[in-house]
Protein backbone atom coordinates (compact mmCIF):
# COMPACT_ATOMS: atom_id res chain seq x y z
CA UNK A 1 20.96 60.53 8.09
CA UNK A 2 17.61 61.51 6.98
CA UNK A 3 14.98 61.62 9.43
CA UNK A 4 12.07 59.15 9.10
CA UNK A 5 9.02 60.53 7.34
CA UNK A 6 6.24 60.44 9.84
CA UNK A 7 2.44 59.07 9.28
CA UNK A 8 -0.55 59.60 11.62
CA UNK A 9 -2.68 56.40 10.97
CA UNK A 10 -6.35 56.57 12.38
CA UNK A 11 -8.33 53.21 12.19
CA UNK A 12 -10.70 51.88 14.67
CA UNK A 13 -10.38 48.12 13.61
CA UNK A 14 -7.32 47.22 15.75
CA UNK A 15 -6.22 44.24 13.77
CA UNK A 16 -6.23 46.24 10.48
CA UNK A 17 -4.49 49.19 12.34
CA UNK A 18 -1.72 46.82 13.33
CA UNK A 19 -1.34 45.28 9.94
CA UNK A 20 -1.10 48.71 8.21
CA UNK A 21 1.31 50.08 10.96
CA UNK A 22 3.75 46.94 10.73
CA UNK A 23 3.84 47.45 6.94
CA UNK A 24 4.47 51.09 6.93
CA UNK A 25 7.22 50.61 9.47
CA UNK A 26 8.70 48.08 7.24
CA UNK A 27 8.89 50.67 4.59
CA UNK A 28 10.78 53.00 6.97
CA UNK A 29 8.12 55.15 8.22
CA UNK A 30 7.62 56.18 11.68
CA UNK A 31 3.99 55.69 12.39
CA UNK A 32 1.78 57.25 15.27
CA UNK A 33 -1.60 55.69 15.45
CA UNK A 34 -5.20 56.36 17.08
CA UNK A 35 -8.34 54.31 17.14
CA UNK A 36 -10.65 57.29 17.39
CA UNK A 37 -11.00 60.81 15.88
CA UNK A 38 -10.67 62.61 19.17
CA UNK A 39 -7.37 61.09 19.99
CA UNK A 40 -6.24 61.42 16.41
CA UNK A 41 -6.68 65.34 16.63
CA UNK A 42 -4.79 65.36 20.13
CA UNK A 43 -1.86 63.71 18.42
CA UNK A 44 -2.07 65.75 15.31
CA UNK A 45 -1.62 68.82 17.45
CA UNK A 46 1.58 67.40 19.13
CA UNK A 47 3.43 66.34 16.24
CA UNK A 48 4.26 67.24 12.56
CA UNK A 49 3.31 64.65 9.86
CA UNK A 50 4.10 63.95 6.27
CA UNK A 51 0.80 62.14 5.71
CA UNK A 52 -2.42 61.43 7.60
CA UNK A 53 -4.36 58.21 6.76
CA UNK A 54 -7.92 58.35 8.09
CA UNK A 55 -10.59 55.83 8.37
CA UNK A 56 -14.06 57.55 7.60
CA UNK A 57 -16.22 55.57 10.23
CA UNK A 58 -14.57 56.46 13.52
CA UNK A 59 -15.86 56.63 17.05
CA UNK A 60 -16.08 60.09 18.73
CA UNK A 61 -15.37 62.26 15.65
CA UNK A 62 -15.69 60.87 12.11
CA UNK A 63 -12.77 60.90 9.57
CA UNK A 64 -14.34 63.64 7.52
CA UNK A 65 -14.66 65.95 10.60
CA UNK A 66 -11.15 65.11 11.52
CA UNK A 67 -10.05 65.99 7.95
CA UNK A 68 -11.99 69.33 7.97
CA UNK A 69 -10.38 70.36 11.36
CA UNK A 70 -6.90 69.50 10.08
CA UNK A 71 -7.55 71.41 6.89
CA UNK A 72 -8.56 74.46 8.79
CA UNK A 73 -5.02 75.24 9.83
CA UNK A 74 -3.13 73.02 7.47
CA UNK A 75 -3.73 72.93 3.80
CA UNK A 76 -0.58 71.15 2.73
CA UNK A 77 -0.18 67.88 4.69
CA UNK A 78 -1.59 65.04 2.40
CA UNK A 79 -4.53 63.16 3.66
CA UNK A 80 -5.74 59.71 2.64
CA UNK A 81 -9.22 58.30 3.48
CA UNK A 82 -9.72 54.61 3.96
CA UNK A 83 -13.41 53.54 3.75
CA UNK A 84 -15.79 50.93 3.27
CA UNK A 85 -18.10 53.22 1.25
CA UNK A 86 -17.63 53.36 -2.42
CA UNK A 87 -20.23 55.65 -3.85
CA UNK A 88 -19.38 58.73 -5.89
CA UNK A 89 -21.01 60.98 -3.60
CA UNK A 90 -18.75 59.62 -0.59
CA UNK A 91 -15.62 60.22 -2.89
CA UNK A 92 -16.52 63.70 -3.77
CA UNK A 93 -17.47 64.48 -0.17
CA UNK A 94 -14.04 63.11 0.81
CA UNK A 95 -12.35 65.23 -1.74
CA UNK A 96 -14.45 68.24 -0.58
CA UNK A 97 -13.11 67.85 2.90
CA UNK A 98 -9.55 68.17 1.48
CA UNK A 99 -8.43 64.60 0.81
CA UNK A 100 -5.68 63.90 -1.62
CA UNK A 101 -6.46 60.40 -2.10
CA UNK A 102 -9.36 57.77 -1.20
CA UNK A 103 -8.94 54.00 -0.96
CA UNK A 104 -11.92 51.55 -0.52
CA UNK A 105 -11.79 48.48 1.81
CA UNK A 106 -10.83 45.88 1.20
CA UNK A 107 -7.79 46.94 -0.43
CA UNK A 108 -4.40 45.44 -1.29
CA UNK A 109 -1.74 46.28 1.06
CA UNK A 110 0.83 46.73 -1.72
CA UNK A 111 -1.41 49.34 -3.37
CA UNK A 112 -1.76 51.17 -0.09
CA UNK A 113 2.14 51.35 0.39
CA UNK A 114 2.37 52.49 -3.46
CA UNK A 115 -0.22 55.35 -2.74
CA UNK A 116 1.44 56.24 0.53
CA UNK A 117 4.85 56.72 -1.07
CA UNK A 118 3.46 58.87 -3.81
CA UNK A 119 1.55 61.05 -1.40
CA UNK A 120 4.54 61.59 0.82
CA UNK A 121 6.86 62.33 -2.29
CA UNK A 122 4.20 64.66 -3.47
CA UNK A 123 4.04 66.55 -0.17
CA UNK A 124 7.88 66.94 -0.22
CA UNK A 125 7.73 68.41 -3.79
CA UNK A 126 5.16 70.82 -2.58
CA UNK A 127 7.52 71.89 0.26
CA UNK A 128 10.14 72.44 -2.38
CA UNK A 129 8.03 74.67 -4.51
CA UNK A 130 6.92 76.73 -1.55
CA UNK A 131 10.43 77.91 -1.15
CA UNK A 132 10.31 79.90 -4.46
CA UNK A 133 7.71 81.99 -6.09
CA UNK A 134 8.71 81.46 -9.83
CA UNK A 135 9.40 78.52 -12.02
CA UNK A 136 11.12 78.39 -15.35
CA UNK A 137 9.61 76.31 -18.25
CA UNK A 138 12.12 76.37 -21.24
CA UNK A 139 13.05 79.98 -21.64
CA UNK A 140 9.98 81.57 -20.03
CA UNK A 141 9.44 82.23 -16.27
CA UNK A 142 6.13 81.95 -14.42
CA UNK A 143 5.78 84.34 -11.56
CA UNK A 144 3.02 82.96 -9.24
CA UNK A 145 2.37 85.92 -7.05
CA UNK A 146 2.06 88.48 -9.73
CA UNK A 147 0.25 86.20 -12.12
CA UNK A 148 2.72 86.95 -14.96
CA UNK A 149 4.58 85.01 -17.53
CA UNK A 150 8.11 86.59 -18.32
CA UNK A 151 9.02 85.68 -22.18
CA UNK A 152 12.50 85.15 -23.33
CA UNK A 153 12.49 88.58 -24.96
CA UNK A 154 11.38 90.28 -21.58
CA UNK A 155 7.82 90.93 -22.52
CA UNK A 156 5.09 90.07 -20.09
CA UNK A 157 1.96 87.83 -20.78
CA UNK A 158 -0.59 88.29 -18.09
CA UNK A 159 -2.02 84.98 -16.69
CA UNK A 160 -5.33 84.56 -15.00
CA UNK A 161 -5.83 83.37 -11.60
CA UNK A 162 -7.13 79.95 -12.64
CA UNK A 163 -4.15 79.47 -15.25
CA UNK A 164 -1.75 80.34 -12.36
CA UNK A 165 -3.46 77.99 -9.83
CA UNK A 166 -3.57 75.06 -12.53
CA UNK A 167 0.07 75.69 -13.57
CA UNK A 168 1.17 75.57 -9.92
CA UNK A 169 -0.62 72.31 -9.24
CA UNK A 170 0.73 70.60 -12.31
CA UNK A 171 4.26 71.84 -11.47
CA UNK A 172 3.78 70.58 -7.92
CA UNK A 173 2.83 67.18 -9.11
CA UNK A 174 5.28 67.26 -12.11
CA UNK A 175 6.02 63.85 -13.77
CA UNK A 176 2.73 62.51 -12.32
CA UNK A 177 -0.67 62.20 -13.77
CA UNK A 178 -3.23 64.61 -12.04
CA UNK A 179 -6.86 63.39 -11.99
CA UNK A 180 -9.63 65.70 -13.21
CA UNK A 181 -11.08 65.30 -9.46
CA UNK A 182 -7.81 66.87 -8.03
CA UNK A 183 -7.89 69.73 -10.64
CA UNK A 184 -11.63 70.31 -9.79
CA UNK A 185 -10.84 70.35 -6.02
CA UNK A 186 -7.77 72.45 -6.18
CA UNK A 187 -8.39 74.96 -8.97
CA UNK A 188 -12.19 75.21 -9.16
CA UNK A 189 -13.12 74.25 -5.47
CA UNK A 190 -16.19 72.68 -6.86
CA UNK A 191 -17.84 76.06 -7.20
CA UNK A 192 -18.43 75.15 -10.94
CA UNK A 193 -18.16 71.99 -12.62
CA UNK A 194 -15.93 72.84 -15.86
CA UNK A 195 -16.29 70.31 -18.58
CA UNK A 196 -13.23 68.20 -19.62
CA UNK A 197 -13.26 70.46 -22.68
CA UNK A 198 -12.58 73.48 -20.27
CA UNK A 199 -9.59 71.88 -18.61
CA UNK A 200 -8.43 70.85 -22.24
CA UNK A 201 -8.53 74.32 -23.36
CA UNK A 202 -6.43 75.42 -20.50
CA UNK A 203 -3.86 72.80 -21.57
CA UNK A 204 -3.97 74.05 -25.20
CA UNK A 205 -3.13 77.60 -23.87
CA UNK A 206 -0.35 76.36 -21.88
CA UNK A 207 0.98 74.58 -25.07
CA UNK A 208 0.91 77.73 -27.00
CA UNK A 209 2.67 79.54 -24.17
CA UNK A 210 5.25 77.07 -23.43
CA UNK A 211 5.76 74.33 -26.22
CA UNK A 212 8.22 74.75 -29.06
CA UNK A 213 5.72 72.89 -31.24
CA UNK A 214 2.32 72.89 -29.68
CA UNK A 215 1.26 69.83 -31.85
CA UNK A 216 4.03 67.71 -30.34
CA UNK A 217 4.03 68.77 -26.71
CA UNK A 218 6.97 67.93 -24.38
CA UNK A 219 5.84 69.59 -21.31
CA UNK A 220 1.84 69.41 -21.08
CA UNK A 221 0.19 66.19 -21.72
CA UNK A 222 -3.34 64.84 -21.79
CA UNK A 223 -3.65 61.39 -20.29
CA UNK A 224 -6.82 59.67 -21.76
CA UNK A 225 -9.18 58.54 -19.10
CA UNK A 226 -6.98 59.87 -16.27
CA UNK A 227 -6.31 63.55 -16.42
CA UNK A 228 -3.19 65.62 -17.26
CA UNK A 229 0.60 65.62 -16.75
CA UNK A 230 3.30 68.32 -16.64
CA UNK A 231 6.69 66.57 -17.47
CA UNK A 232 10.03 68.36 -16.45
CA UNK A 233 13.29 67.23 -15.06
CA UNK A 234 13.78 70.59 -13.16
C-alpha cells in the first residue's frame, strides 16, 4: 500500500484551517497543521512533507520568513502561499521567497485541491528526475552535469548553463504548462528580467536541437498568454 502524501498546512484563521484540513484529508492526504510560523517551523523539522501550504499573515513569524527558512535547507519541497494580498509586488515577493504557487483569498476549495494535487505530483516528478543525470529526447541525450547534448551520431553539442537549467525545468514539469514567472524564478533567479522574446529564442533553439520538423514541434510548445510546455510520454 502506498503511504499517504503529507502536507503541512499553516493558517491562523482556525475555521479556515479546519475546512482546508478536512477537504485535504478527504482527498487522502495526511495533514499536519499549525496556526503560527514558529510552530510551523518546529513541525517542519520533525517530519518530511510533500507540500507546504502557508498563509502569509501569520503570528510570531510570517509566511514569507517561514518559506525563506525552509528554502535555506530544502529547495525541493513545493510551497504554496495563501494570502489576502493580491498585488503584483506580493506575488513577485512570494515567488522570490521560493514559492511554487500563490492563491489569493477568498478562494474556491475545489481550485485549491486541484492546485495541491498538481504541486504534489510535480514534486514527485522532481524526485524521479533527481535519480538520473541525463534525459533522452528522441534520439538525443541531455547530460545535465556536463552541460552537453549527445547527438545520435555521437557528436556533442555544448549547452549553456541557462539552456540546461531551462531544459531541466521543462522536463521536470513535463506535460504541464510552465509560466513565465516560474521560469524567471528558476532559471534567471530575478537577476535579469528577460523579455518573452528571450525565452522564445531558447525554445526556438531547443526545437532546432530536438524537433524532427522545428516548424511543427512535437516536444517544445509555446502556450499563448501562459508560458511554455515540454510534451513527452517518457
